[in-house]
Amino acid sequence: MLHDIGDIFAPYNHDEYAASILRPFVREQCSWVVEKHGDFQIVYYGQHVGGNQNKREKHRGHTFFDDCATFCERWDQSSFDPDCDTLPVSHFEARVHEIFARTPYDPAVLRPGAQEKLVN
């Protein structure tokens, strides 16, 4: 839900902007996916805007490469479908408050290198 929070203020690098806000509060896996999702998402629309559809390839081999590809395919890309099932913002409110109430840069949260399976 928060991966695009930089869209308004940083339209050309919204992914990096969003990651810088989230990084102190989420595990490294999540912040990396948020930071790089623009490079991965362009595979779906790059041909329409003269972009490099293979931009994500520069990240191939990274521990979280498949996570970012999966995130974009399952959730980010599908969110552009007007028929995509969505939940109201209120559904996420408590979770957002919980995340930003964490102690910033808590090693127990950041867990560098830790990788969790992505789930719906």
Protein backbone atom coordinates (compact mmCIF):
# COMPACT_ATOMS: atom_id res chain seq x y z
CA MET A 1 0.00 0.00 0.00
CA LEU A 2 2.83 2.43 0.77
CA HIS A 3 5.21 1.63 -2.06
CA ASP A 4 3.96 4.56 -4.18
CA ILE A 5 3.80 7.22 -1.45
CA GLY A 6 6.42 9.20 -3.33
CA ASP A 7 4.39 9.59 -6.53
CA ILE A 8 3.22 13.12 -5.82
CA PHE A 9 6.48 14.58 -4.52
CA ALA A 10 9.00 12.66 -6.60
CA PRO A 11 7.40 11.45 -9.84
CA TYR A 12 10.75 10.58 -11.47
CA ASN A 13 12.15 8.59 -8.56
CA HIS A 14 9.10 7.85 -6.42
CA ASP A 15 10.39 4.38 -5.63
CA GLU A 16 13.59 5.67 -4.02
CA TYR A 17 11.64 8.38 -2.20
CA ALA A 18 9.16 5.87 -0.77
CA ALA A 19 11.96 3.50 0.26
CA SER A 20 13.73 6.28 2.15
CA ILE A 21 10.57 6.88 4.19
CA LEU A 22 9.90 3.20 4.86
CA ARG A 23 13.50 1.96 5.33
CA PRO A 24 13.72 2.72 9.09
CA PHE A 25 10.52 0.77 9.80
CA VAL A 26 10.53 -2.35 7.59
CA ARG A 27 12.85 -5.24 6.90
CA GLU A 28 15.57 -4.83 4.31
CA GLN A 29 13.74 -7.12 1.89
CA CYS A 30 10.73 -4.78 1.82
CA SER A 31 12.70 -1.57 1.49
CA TRP A 32 14.76 -3.03 -1.39
CA VAL A 33 11.62 -4.12 -3.24
CA VAL A 34 10.06 -0.69 -2.78
CA GLU A 35 13.26 1.07 -3.87
CA LYS A 36 13.66 -1.00 -7.04
CA HIS A 37 10.05 -1.64 -8.08
CA GLY A 38 10.15 1.12 -10.71
CA ASP A 39 12.95 -0.71 -12.52
CA PHE A 40 10.87 -3.89 -12.44
CA GLN A 41 7.48 -2.39 -13.22
CA ILE A 42 8.65 -0.85 -16.51
CA VAL A 43 8.67 -4.33 -18.06
CA TYR A 44 4.88 -3.95 -18.33
CA TYR A 45 4.70 -0.55 -20.00
CA GLY A 46 8.15 0.47 -21.24
CA GLN A 47 7.32 -0.23 -24.87
CA HIS A 48 4.60 2.42 -24.71
CA VAL A 49 6.79 5.23 -23.37
CA GLY A 50 10.15 4.50 -24.97
CA GLY A 51 11.51 3.01 -21.75
CA ASN A 52 13.90 0.14 -21.26
CA GLN A 53 11.70 -2.87 -20.54
CA ASN A 54 14.76 -4.80 -19.40
CA LYS A 55 15.89 -2.25 -16.81
CA ARG A 56 15.39 -4.75 -14.01
CA GLU A 57 18.06 -7.01 -15.46
CA LYS A 58 20.77 -4.89 -13.84
CA HIS A 59 19.51 -6.29 -10.52
CA ARG A 60 19.48 -9.95 -11.60
CA GLY A 61 21.33 -12.08 -9.10
CA HIS A 62 20.37 -9.91 -6.14
CA THR A 63 18.89 -11.83 -3.23
CA PHE A 64 15.58 -9.98 -3.53
CA PHE A 65 15.30 -9.93 -7.35
CA ASP A 66 12.56 -12.58 -7.48
CA ASP A 67 10.70 -10.90 -4.62
CA CYS A 68 10.51 -7.64 -6.53
CA ALA A 69 9.45 -9.37 -9.75
CA THR A 70 6.75 -11.24 -7.83
CA PHE A 71 5.57 -8.08 -6.04
CA CYS A 72 5.19 -6.24 -9.35
CA GLU A 73 3.44 -9.13 -11.08
CA ARG A 74 1.04 -10.07 -8.28
CA TRP A 75 0.19 -6.72 -6.74
CA ASP A 76 1.61 -3.61 -8.38
CA GLN A 77 0.75 -4.45 -11.96
CA SER A 78 -2.66 -5.88 -11.15
CA SER A 79 -3.61 -2.73 -9.24
CA PHE A 80 -3.90 -0.88 -12.54
CA ASP A 81 -6.76 -3.18 -13.56
CA PRO A 82 -10.04 -1.34 -12.89
CA ASP A 83 -11.64 -4.69 -12.07
CA CYS A 84 -9.01 -5.53 -9.43
CA ASP A 85 -10.53 -6.33 -6.06
CA THR A 86 -9.52 -3.71 -3.52
CA LEU A 87 -10.07 -3.12 0.15
CA PRO A 88 -10.92 0.25 1.67
CA VAL A 89 -8.08 2.29 3.14
CA SER A 90 -9.61 1.79 6.59
CA HIS A 91 -8.72 -1.90 6.31
CA PHE A 92 -5.02 -0.98 6.40
CA GLU A 93 -5.12 1.88 8.90
CA ALA A 94 -4.16 -0.08 12.03
CA ARG A 95 -1.28 -1.81 10.23
CA VAL A 96 0.11 1.51 8.95
CA HIS A 97 -0.02 2.96 12.45
CA GLU A 98 1.72 -0.14 13.78
CA ILE A 99 4.55 0.14 11.26
CA PHE A 100 5.28 3.82 11.87
CA ALA A 101 5.04 3.39 15.65
CA ARG A 102 8.07 1.07 15.58
CA THR A 103 11.43 2.19 16.86
CA PRO A 104 13.29 3.34 13.74
CA TYR A 105 16.18 1.14 12.63
CA ASP A 106 15.36 -1.60 15.12
CA PRO A 107 17.65 -4.53 14.15
CA ALA A 108 14.89 -6.96 15.13
CA VAL A 109 12.70 -5.38 12.42
CA LEU A 110 15.28 -4.61 9.72
CA ARG A 111 16.89 -8.07 9.82
CA PRO A 112 19.48 -7.45 7.08
CA GLY A 113 19.57 -10.27 4.55
CA ALA A 114 16.47 -11.97 5.97
CA GLN A 115 14.03 -13.10 3.33
CA GLU A 116 10.42 -14.01 3.98
CA LYS A 117 8.09 -15.62 1.52
CA LEU A 118 5.68 -13.14 -0.04
CA VAL A 119 2.07 -13.94 0.72
CA ASN A 120 -1.29 -12.43 -0.23
